[in-house]
Amino acid sequence: MISPIEVKKLTETLFEEVVACRRYLHQHPELSFQEYETARYIESFLMERGIKSEGRLAENGIVYLIKGLRPGSKVVALRADIDALPIQEQNDVSYKSKHDGIMHACGHDVHTSSLLGAALVIDRLKTKFGGIVKLIFQPAEERLPGGASIMIKEGVLQNPAPTSIFGQHVHPPLESGKIGVKPGIYMASADELFVTVRGRGGHAALPQDCIDPIVTASNIILSLQQIVSRRANPTTPTVLSFGKINSQGGATNVIPAEVRLEGTFRTMDEQWRSQAHELMVEMAEQIARSAGASCEFKIKKGYPYLQNDLELTTRFRSHAEEFLGAENVVDLPIRMTAEDFAYYSQEIPACFYRLGTGNLEKGITSPIHTPTFDVDEEALKVGVGLLAWVAFKELQD
């Protein structure tokens, strides 16, 4: 029987090694679908410690199987994402990113180093459990179609098939040493919207001779919000936001011929998601026609909503409370952000939780996806230990 104390002691002995791993990864970030050196580092790190991979999927995704030496047939999967973001780091730290314009601003360096540390813990205790722990190092979480979808298509949930999967994500608002969890529907689906409004350009002082795509595009943006406020079920969280408007040409005295919009649509109901897509296209095209313009509305369907399996998440909370203490496991609200771990949650029982990484006293408070994001590295003790502990508990139950 493996105890929390045993896992914590082993995690403590590995702590400096895991911190060094995290700092190396932070200094050498790579964008989605370009994680070649990151993948090689992962393979080298574990190979040097006697853990050989089962091979690659999705080019830079790596799978490991750690088999317990006691009888058991269950398979539990643990997943970490490995890619970074196109952000210029502004932190003044010794492990600052060495790659201009690229940064681990979403904590995937923490996720990866935590799973590497957990792999060492699990491997060292393999004589004490049965079954298999499947480790998934996944590329391209930050970019559609998402590395998870590709790895699933290429068989990551087969041979052997996991009965459950767990993933974690850094959470700066939560104090280091704590974790957060939400059973049921937790994160939103995410679709990218690309709208082109075409009119007739001309002199801004002679609007009667033009078909103004800027005015038309403005009406489209405002009117589409009615889909959220008037058509969505109030019990179904829905977000529609446009983050980019560009005109092709145009000046203070020139009405352009074309305007392009880019935005996002997010919700937590697949039927409503499809219906809303149709409503948005129909409304935008009608508004453009009424103004004498035309509208091309493209929707790039993204990640599905993420659902934490109720039974599995209830067990996870119990495991986490046993490992950390009930006072360090908190309830989380739903989030309208998206995560490609959702693809796994659509296939098998899944649990995705938040790892507290903030520390007010140390001034570590910056949100993810910002150039000053950083973590309290003490959180790695929880990041490593809890992953390993949950795997042990699930294989034992």
Protein backbone atom coordinates (compact mmCIF):
# COMPACT_ATOMS: atom_id res chain seq x y z
CA MET A 1 0.00 0.00 0.00
CA ILE A 2 1.41 3.38 -1.04
CA SER A 3 0.87 6.22 1.45
CA PRO A 4 0.66 10.00 0.94
CA ILE A 5 3.73 10.42 3.15
CA GLU A 6 5.74 8.09 0.92
CA VAL A 7 4.75 10.01 -2.22
CA LYS A 8 5.47 13.38 -0.59
CA LYS A 9 8.92 12.31 0.62
CA LEU A 10 9.85 11.01 -2.80
CA THR A 11 8.51 14.18 -4.43
CA GLU A 12 10.60 16.26 -2.04
CA THR A 13 13.78 14.42 -3.00
CA LEU A 14 13.03 15.10 -6.68
CA PHE A 15 12.02 18.73 -6.19
CA GLU A 16 15.27 20.43 -7.26
CA GLU A 17 15.48 18.17 -10.30
CA VAL A 18 11.93 19.06 -11.31
CA VAL A 19 12.55 22.80 -10.78
CA ALA A 20 15.63 22.59 -13.01
CA CYS A 21 13.53 20.80 -15.62
CA ARG A 22 10.82 23.47 -15.47
CA ARG A 23 13.39 26.26 -15.83
CA TYR A 24 15.03 24.62 -18.82
CA LEU A 25 11.67 24.25 -20.52
CA HIS A 26 10.77 27.85 -19.66
CA GLN A 27 14.00 29.07 -21.26
CA HIS A 28 13.40 27.05 -24.42
CA PRO A 29 9.71 27.45 -25.36
CA GLU A 30 8.37 26.33 -28.73
CA LEU A 31 5.13 27.16 -30.48
CA SER A 32 2.34 24.72 -31.28
CA PHE A 33 3.31 22.05 -33.84
CA GLN A 34 6.97 23.15 -33.53
CA GLU A 35 7.91 21.46 -30.22
CA TYR A 36 10.81 19.44 -31.71
CA GLU A 37 13.46 20.26 -29.11
CA THR A 38 10.93 20.01 -26.29
CA ALA A 39 10.00 16.49 -27.38
CA ARG A 40 13.65 15.50 -27.63
CA TYR A 41 14.29 16.90 -24.16
CA ILE A 42 11.42 14.87 -22.68
CA GLU A 43 12.66 11.68 -24.33
CA SER A 44 16.23 12.29 -23.22
CA PHE A 45 15.24 13.21 -19.65
CA LEU A 46 13.30 9.98 -19.11
CA MET A 47 15.63 7.75 -21.13
CA GLU A 48 18.55 8.80 -18.92
CA ARG A 49 16.48 7.66 -15.94
CA GLY A 50 15.61 4.31 -17.42
CA ILE A 51 12.14 5.09 -18.79
CA LYS A 52 11.73 4.39 -22.50
CA SER A 53 8.94 5.84 -24.61
CA GLU A 54 6.38 3.84 -26.55
CA GLY A 55 6.89 6.16 -29.52
CA ARG A 56 5.54 9.37 -31.00
CA LEU A 57 2.07 10.47 -32.08
CA ALA A 58 1.08 13.75 -33.74
CA GLU A 59 4.77 14.19 -34.60
CA ASN A 60 5.85 15.71 -31.28
CA GLY A 61 3.55 13.86 -28.89
CA ILE A 62 5.15 11.15 -26.74
CA VAL A 63 3.54 8.24 -24.91
CA TYR A 64 4.97 6.25 -22.00
CA LEU A 65 3.68 3.18 -20.18
CA ILE A 66 4.80 2.50 -16.63
CA LYS A 67 3.64 -0.97 -15.63
CA GLY A 68 3.10 -1.89 -12.03
CA LEU A 69 4.71 -5.14 -10.95
CA ARG A 70 1.75 -6.32 -8.90
CA PRO A 71 -1.32 -7.93 -10.51
CA GLY A 72 -3.78 -5.47 -12.02
CA SER A 73 -5.40 -4.68 -15.34
CA LYS A 74 -6.59 -1.06 -15.02
CA VAL A 75 -5.01 1.68 -17.11
CA VAL A 76 -4.94 5.31 -15.94
CA ALA A 77 -3.74 8.13 -18.19
CA LEU A 78 -2.03 11.35 -17.13
CA ARG A 79 -1.66 14.16 -19.68
CA ALA A 80 0.52 17.27 -19.98
CA ASP A 81 0.67 19.78 -22.83
CA ILE A 82 4.09 20.98 -24.01
CA ASP A 83 3.67 24.00 -26.33
CA ALA A 84 4.16 27.72 -25.65
CA LEU A 85 2.64 31.03 -26.78
CA PRO A 86 3.72 33.85 -29.15
CA ILE A 87 4.36 36.33 -26.31
CA GLN A 88 7.53 38.32 -25.53
CA GLU A 89 8.50 37.65 -21.92
CA GLN A 90 9.06 40.68 -19.67
CA ASN A 91 10.12 38.90 -16.48
CA ASP A 92 13.61 39.64 -15.15
CA VAL A 93 14.51 36.13 -14.01
CA SER A 94 17.47 33.83 -14.58
CA TYR A 95 15.28 31.38 -16.51
CA LYS A 96 13.73 33.97 -18.83
CA SER A 97 12.83 32.74 -22.31
CA LYS A 98 15.76 32.68 -24.72
CA HIS A 99 13.45 32.63 -27.74
CA ASP A 100 12.31 36.09 -28.86
CA GLY A 101 8.56 36.42 -29.05
CA ILE A 102 7.89 32.99 -27.53
CA MET A 103 7.05 32.30 -23.88
CA HIS A 104 5.57 29.65 -21.64
CA ALA A 105 2.89 32.13 -20.58
CA CYS A 106 0.26 29.45 -19.99
CA GLY A 107 2.26 27.22 -17.68
CA HIS A 108 2.79 24.28 -19.99
CA ASP A 109 6.38 24.12 -18.73
CA VAL A 110 4.89 23.46 -15.29
CA HIS A 111 2.54 20.82 -16.67
CA THR A 112 5.37 19.05 -18.50
CA SER A 113 7.87 19.14 -15.64
CA SER A 114 5.16 17.98 -13.21
CA LEU A 115 4.42 14.95 -15.37
CA LEU A 116 8.12 14.23 -15.77
CA GLY A 117 8.49 14.29 -12.00
CA ALA A 118 5.40 12.15 -11.56
CA ALA A 119 6.87 9.63 -14.01
CA LEU A 120 9.93 9.27 -11.76
CA VAL A 121 7.78 8.84 -8.64
CA ILE A 122 5.56 6.25 -10.33
CA ASP A 123 8.53 4.36 -11.77
CA ARG A 124 10.28 4.17 -8.39
CA LEU A 125 7.15 2.78 -6.74
CA LYS A 126 6.14 0.36 -9.49
CA THR A 127 6.73 -2.67 -7.27
CA LYS A 128 3.86 -1.46 -5.06
CA PHE A 129 1.00 -1.17 -7.53
CA GLY A 130 -0.67 -3.12 -10.31
CA GLY A 131 -2.01 -1.98 -13.66
CA ILE A 132 -0.54 0.61 -16.04
CA VAL A 133 -0.01 4.35 -15.89
CA LYS A 134 -0.09 5.88 -19.37
CA LEU A 135 1.79 9.18 -19.64
CA ILE A 136 0.79 11.49 -22.50
CA PHE A 137 2.99 14.44 -23.42
CA GLN A 138 0.84 16.30 -25.90
CA PRO A 139 1.75 19.01 -28.43
CA ALA A 140 -0.27 21.93 -29.75
CA GLU A 141 -2.88 22.64 -27.10
CA GLU A 142 -2.85 26.33 -28.02
CA ARG A 143 -3.71 26.01 -31.69
CA LEU A 144 -6.54 24.45 -33.65
CA PRO A 145 -7.30 21.67 -34.31
CA GLY A 146 -5.53 20.90 -31.02
CA GLY A 147 -2.92 18.24 -30.45
CA ALA A 148 -5.37 16.20 -28.37
CA SER A 149 -7.66 15.65 -31.36
CA ILE A 150 -4.74 14.47 -33.49
CA MET A 151 -3.34 12.13 -30.84
CA ILE A 152 -6.79 10.61 -30.34
CA LYS A 153 -7.14 10.01 -34.09
CA GLU A 154 -3.72 8.37 -34.08
CA GLY A 155 -4.68 6.00 -31.25
CA VAL A 156 -3.47 7.50 -27.98
CA LEU A 157 -6.55 6.14 -26.19
CA GLN A 158 -5.93 2.61 -27.47
CA ASN A 159 -3.39 -0.19 -26.93
CA PRO A 160 -3.90 -0.09 -24.00
CA ALA A 161 -7.15 1.82 -23.54
CA PRO A 162 -7.25 3.97 -20.38
CA THR A 163 -10.28 3.73 -18.13
CA SER A 164 -9.79 7.37 -17.12
CA ILE A 165 -7.59 10.38 -17.77
CA PHE A 166 -6.41 13.29 -15.62
CA GLY A 167 -4.94 16.65 -16.52
CA GLN A 168 -3.98 19.77 -14.60
CA HIS A 169 -3.59 23.45 -15.41
CA VAL A 170 -1.84 26.26 -13.57
CA HIS A 171 -4.13 28.79 -11.88
CA PRO A 172 -2.50 32.03 -10.65
CA PRO A 173 -5.58 33.24 -8.67
CA LEU A 174 -5.25 30.16 -6.47
CA GLU A 175 -2.54 30.08 -3.82
CA SER A 176 0.33 27.65 -4.28
CA GLY A 177 -0.35 24.51 -2.27
CA LYS A 178 -4.02 24.38 -3.22
CA ILE A 179 -5.93 22.87 -6.12
CA GLY A 180 -9.39 23.57 -7.52
CA VAL A 181 -11.94 21.30 -9.11
CA LYS A 182 -15.39 21.48 -10.71
CA PRO A 183 -17.46 18.35 -11.46
CA GLY A 184 -19.64 18.26 -14.56
CA ILE A 185 -19.45 20.79 -17.39
CA TYR A 186 -16.45 22.99 -16.63
CA MET A 187 -15.06 24.77 -19.73
CA ALA A 188 -16.60 26.08 -22.93
CA SER A 189 -16.38 25.07 -26.55
CA ALA A 190 -14.51 27.60 -28.69
CA ASP A 191 -15.05 28.55 -32.32
CA GLU A 192 -13.17 31.14 -34.39
CA LEU A 193 -15.17 33.57 -36.50
CA PHE A 194 -13.87 35.21 -39.69
CA VAL A 195 -16.20 37.73 -41.30
CA THR A 196 -15.54 39.74 -44.46
CA VAL A 197 -17.90 42.59 -45.35
CA ARG A 198 -17.57 43.97 -48.87
CA GLY A 199 -19.10 47.24 -50.02
CA ARG A 200 -18.07 50.02 -52.42
CA GLY A 201 -15.32 52.39 -51.38
CA GLY A 202 -14.93 56.02 -52.23
CA HIS A 203 -14.49 59.53 -50.88
CA ALA A 204 -15.58 59.84 -47.26
CA ALA A 205 -17.18 63.19 -48.02
CA LEU A 206 -19.46 61.50 -50.55
CA PRO A 207 -20.98 58.57 -48.64
CA GLN A 208 -24.03 58.60 -50.90
CA ASP A 209 -21.79 57.28 -53.66
CA CYS A 210 -20.44 54.44 -51.49
CA ILE A 211 -21.63 51.31 -49.76
CA ASP A 212 -19.88 51.70 -46.43
CA PRO A 213 -18.61 48.33 -45.12
CA ILE A 214 -17.48 49.90 -41.82
CA VAL A 215 -21.01 50.96 -40.89
CA THR A 216 -22.33 47.60 -42.07
CA ALA A 217 -19.72 45.70 -40.08
CA SER A 218 -20.54 47.79 -37.01
CA ASN A 219 -24.22 46.92 -37.35
CA ILE A 220 -23.34 43.26 -37.70
CA ILE A 221 -21.23 43.27 -34.52
CA LEU A 222 -23.94 44.97 -32.48
CA SER A 223 -26.80 42.93 -33.90
CA LEU A 224 -25.06 39.59 -33.39
CA GLN A 225 -25.05 40.26 -29.64
CA GLN A 226 -28.82 39.71 -29.76
CA ILE A 227 -28.09 36.04 -30.38
CA VAL A 228 -26.55 35.92 -26.91
CA SER A 229 -29.03 38.21 -25.14
CA ARG A 230 -32.25 37.15 -26.92
CA ARG A 231 -31.80 33.69 -28.43
CA ALA A 232 -29.59 31.78 -25.99
CA ASN A 233 -31.18 29.88 -23.13
CA PRO A 234 -30.35 31.85 -19.95
CA THR A 235 -29.15 28.62 -18.33
CA THR A 236 -26.61 28.02 -21.12
CA PRO A 237 -23.49 30.17 -20.73
CA THR A 238 -22.68 31.83 -24.07
CA VAL A 239 -20.03 34.34 -25.13
CA LEU A 240 -19.67 36.15 -28.46
CA SER A 241 -16.72 38.55 -28.76
CA PHE A 242 -14.92 40.22 -31.63
CA GLY A 243 -11.28 41.01 -31.01
CA LYS A 244 -10.11 42.29 -34.37
CA ILE A 245 -11.40 44.74 -37.01
CA ASN A 246 -9.35 45.59 -40.09
CA SER A 247 -10.27 47.55 -43.21
CA GLN A 248 -8.65 46.97 -46.56
CA GLY A 249 -7.54 50.50 -47.35
CA GLY A 250 -9.40 53.44 -45.92
CA ALA A 251 -8.27 56.71 -44.35
CA THR A 252 -9.79 59.73 -42.63
CA ASN A 253 -11.20 60.76 -45.99
CA VAL A 254 -11.51 57.36 -47.65
CA ILE A 255 -14.28 54.79 -47.18
CA PRO A 256 -12.74 51.35 -47.80
CA ALA A 257 -14.26 48.64 -49.95
CA GLU A 258 -13.78 45.83 -47.44
CA VAL A 259 -13.71 45.21 -43.69
CA ARG A 260 -12.61 42.03 -41.94
CA LEU A 261 -13.68 40.93 -38.48
CA GLU A 262 -12.30 38.16 -36.29
CA GLY A 263 -13.94 36.85 -33.15
CA THR A 264 -14.84 33.92 -30.95
CA PHE A 265 -18.04 32.11 -30.04
CA ARG A 266 -18.17 29.97 -26.90
CA THR A 267 -20.85 27.94 -25.20
CA MET A 268 -21.52 24.71 -23.30
CA ASP A 269 -24.26 23.00 -25.33
CA GLU A 270 -23.53 21.31 -28.66
CA GLN A 271 -27.05 21.61 -30.03
CA TRP A 272 -27.20 25.32 -29.26
CA ARG A 273 -23.69 25.72 -30.63
CA SER A 274 -24.78 24.43 -34.05
CA GLN A 275 -27.98 26.49 -34.00
CA ALA A 276 -26.08 29.66 -33.09
CA HIS A 277 -23.68 29.12 -35.99
CA GLU A 278 -26.60 29.17 -38.40
CA LEU A 279 -28.18 32.20 -36.74
CA MET A 280 -24.96 34.22 -36.89
CA VAL A 281 -24.38 33.56 -40.57
CA GLU A 282 -28.00 34.26 -41.48
CA MET A 283 -28.17 37.51 -39.52
CA ALA A 284 -24.87 38.86 -40.82
CA GLU A 285 -25.74 38.10 -44.43
CA GLN A 286 -29.18 39.74 -44.11
CA ILE A 287 -27.73 42.90 -42.58
CA ALA A 288 -25.14 43.14 -45.34
CA ARG A 289 -27.75 42.63 -48.07
CA SER A 290 -30.01 45.29 -46.58
CA ALA A 291 -27.13 47.75 -46.86
CA GLY A 292 -26.31 46.75 -50.42
CA ALA A 293 -23.13 45.00 -49.26
CA SER A 294 -22.11 41.35 -49.13
CA CYS A 295 -20.87 39.25 -46.24
CA GLU A 296 -18.70 36.15 -46.17
CA PHE A 297 -18.97 34.47 -42.77
CA LYS A 298 -16.62 31.59 -42.00
CA ILE A 299 -16.71 29.60 -38.76
CA LYS A 300 -13.69 27.52 -37.79
CA LYS A 301 -15.08 24.98 -35.36
CA GLY A 302 -12.77 24.54 -32.40
CA TYR A 303 -12.61 22.56 -29.19
CA PRO A 304 -15.76 21.02 -27.70
CA TYR A 305 -16.89 21.82 -24.17
CA LEU A 306 -14.99 20.12 -21.37
CA GLN A 307 -16.94 17.89 -19.02
CA ASN A 308 -15.47 16.42 -15.86
CA ASP A 309 -16.97 13.00 -15.28
CA LEU A 310 -19.06 13.21 -12.11
CA GLU A 311 -18.08 9.86 -10.59
CA LEU A 312 -14.40 10.21 -11.48
CA THR A 313 -14.20 13.80 -10.27
CA THR A 314 -15.87 12.88 -6.99
CA ARG A 315 -13.21 10.22 -6.47
CA PHE A 316 -10.48 12.66 -7.50
CA ARG A 317 -11.62 15.16 -4.90
CA SER A 318 -11.46 12.46 -2.23
CA HIS A 319 -7.96 11.48 -3.36
CA ALA A 320 -6.84 15.12 -3.39
CA GLU A 321 -8.23 15.80 0.08
CA GLU A 322 -6.44 12.74 1.42
CA PHE A 323 -3.18 13.95 -0.11
CA LEU A 324 -3.43 17.72 0.53
CA GLY A 325 -6.05 18.12 3.25
CA ALA A 326 -9.64 19.19 2.62
CA GLU A 327 -8.78 22.85 3.30
CA ASN A 328 -6.50 22.85 0.24
CA VAL A 329 -9.11 21.56 -2.22
CA VAL A 330 -11.52 24.26 -3.36
CA ASP A 331 -14.60 24.46 -5.59
CA LEU A 332 -14.28 26.23 -8.92
CA PRO A 333 -16.91 27.97 -11.06
CA ILE A 334 -17.38 27.21 -14.75
CA ARG A 335 -14.99 28.96 -17.15
CA MET A 336 -15.66 30.31 -20.63
CA THR A 337 -12.06 29.63 -21.60
CA ALA A 338 -11.39 26.53 -23.69
CA GLU A 339 -8.96 23.64 -23.50
CA ASP A 340 -8.28 20.81 -25.92
CA PHE A 341 -8.27 18.34 -23.02
CA ALA A 342 -12.01 18.52 -23.76
CA TYR A 343 -11.47 16.06 -26.62
CA TYR A 344 -10.39 13.40 -24.11
CA SER A 345 -13.42 14.21 -21.94
CA GLN A 346 -15.67 13.45 -24.89
CA GLU A 347 -14.14 9.99 -25.27
CA ILE A 348 -13.50 8.57 -21.77
CA PRO A 349 -14.13 9.56 -18.14
CA ALA A 350 -11.91 12.59 -17.54
CA CYS A 351 -10.98 15.01 -14.77
CA PHE A 352 -9.29 18.34 -15.40
CA TYR A 353 -8.33 20.38 -12.36
CA ARG A 354 -6.50 23.60 -11.48
CA LEU A 355 -3.11 23.76 -9.79
CA GLY A 356 -2.65 26.80 -7.57
CA THR A 357 0.53 28.67 -8.56
CA GLY A 358 0.05 32.16 -7.12
CA ASN A 359 1.89 33.74 -4.21
CA LEU A 360 0.86 37.23 -3.16
CA GLU A 361 3.80 37.70 -0.79
CA LYS A 362 6.28 36.88 -3.56
CA GLY A 363 4.43 39.14 -6.01
CA ILE A 364 3.49 36.21 -8.23
CA THR A 365 0.04 37.31 -9.34
CA SER A 366 0.14 37.86 -13.13
CA PRO A 367 -2.58 36.05 -15.11
CA ILE A 368 -1.81 33.45 -17.74
CA HIS A 369 -1.25 34.65 -21.32
CA THR A 370 0.54 37.79 -20.10
CA PRO A 371 4.25 38.70 -20.55
CA THR A 372 4.82 38.80 -16.78
CA PHE A 373 3.25 35.44 -15.96
CA ASP A 374 5.26 33.26 -13.59
CA VAL A 375 4.59 30.66 -10.90
CA ASP A 376 5.56 29.93 -7.33
CA GLU A 377 7.72 26.89 -7.98
CA GLU A 378 6.69 25.37 -4.65
CA ALA A 379 3.53 24.45 -6.58
CA LEU A 380 5.57 21.81 -8.40
CA LYS A 381 5.51 19.67 -5.26
CA VAL A 382 1.75 19.45 -5.58
CA GLY A 383 1.93 19.23 -9.37
CA VAL A 384 4.18 16.17 -9.21
CA GLY A 385 2.86 14.48 -6.09
CA LEU A 386 -0.84 14.75 -6.80
CA LEU A 387 -0.54 13.33 -10.32
CA ALA A 388 1.31 10.31 -9.00
CA TRP A 389 -1.00 9.90 -5.99
CA VAL A 390 -4.17 10.00 -8.09
CA ALA A 391 -2.76 7.36 -10.45
CA PHE A 392 -1.93 5.11 -7.51
CA LYS A 393 -5.36 5.55 -5.93
CA GLU A 394 -7.22 4.87 -9.16
CA LEU A 395 -5.26 1.70 -9.83
CA GLN A 396 -5.80 0.58 -6.26
CA ASP A 397 -9.60 1.19 -6.20
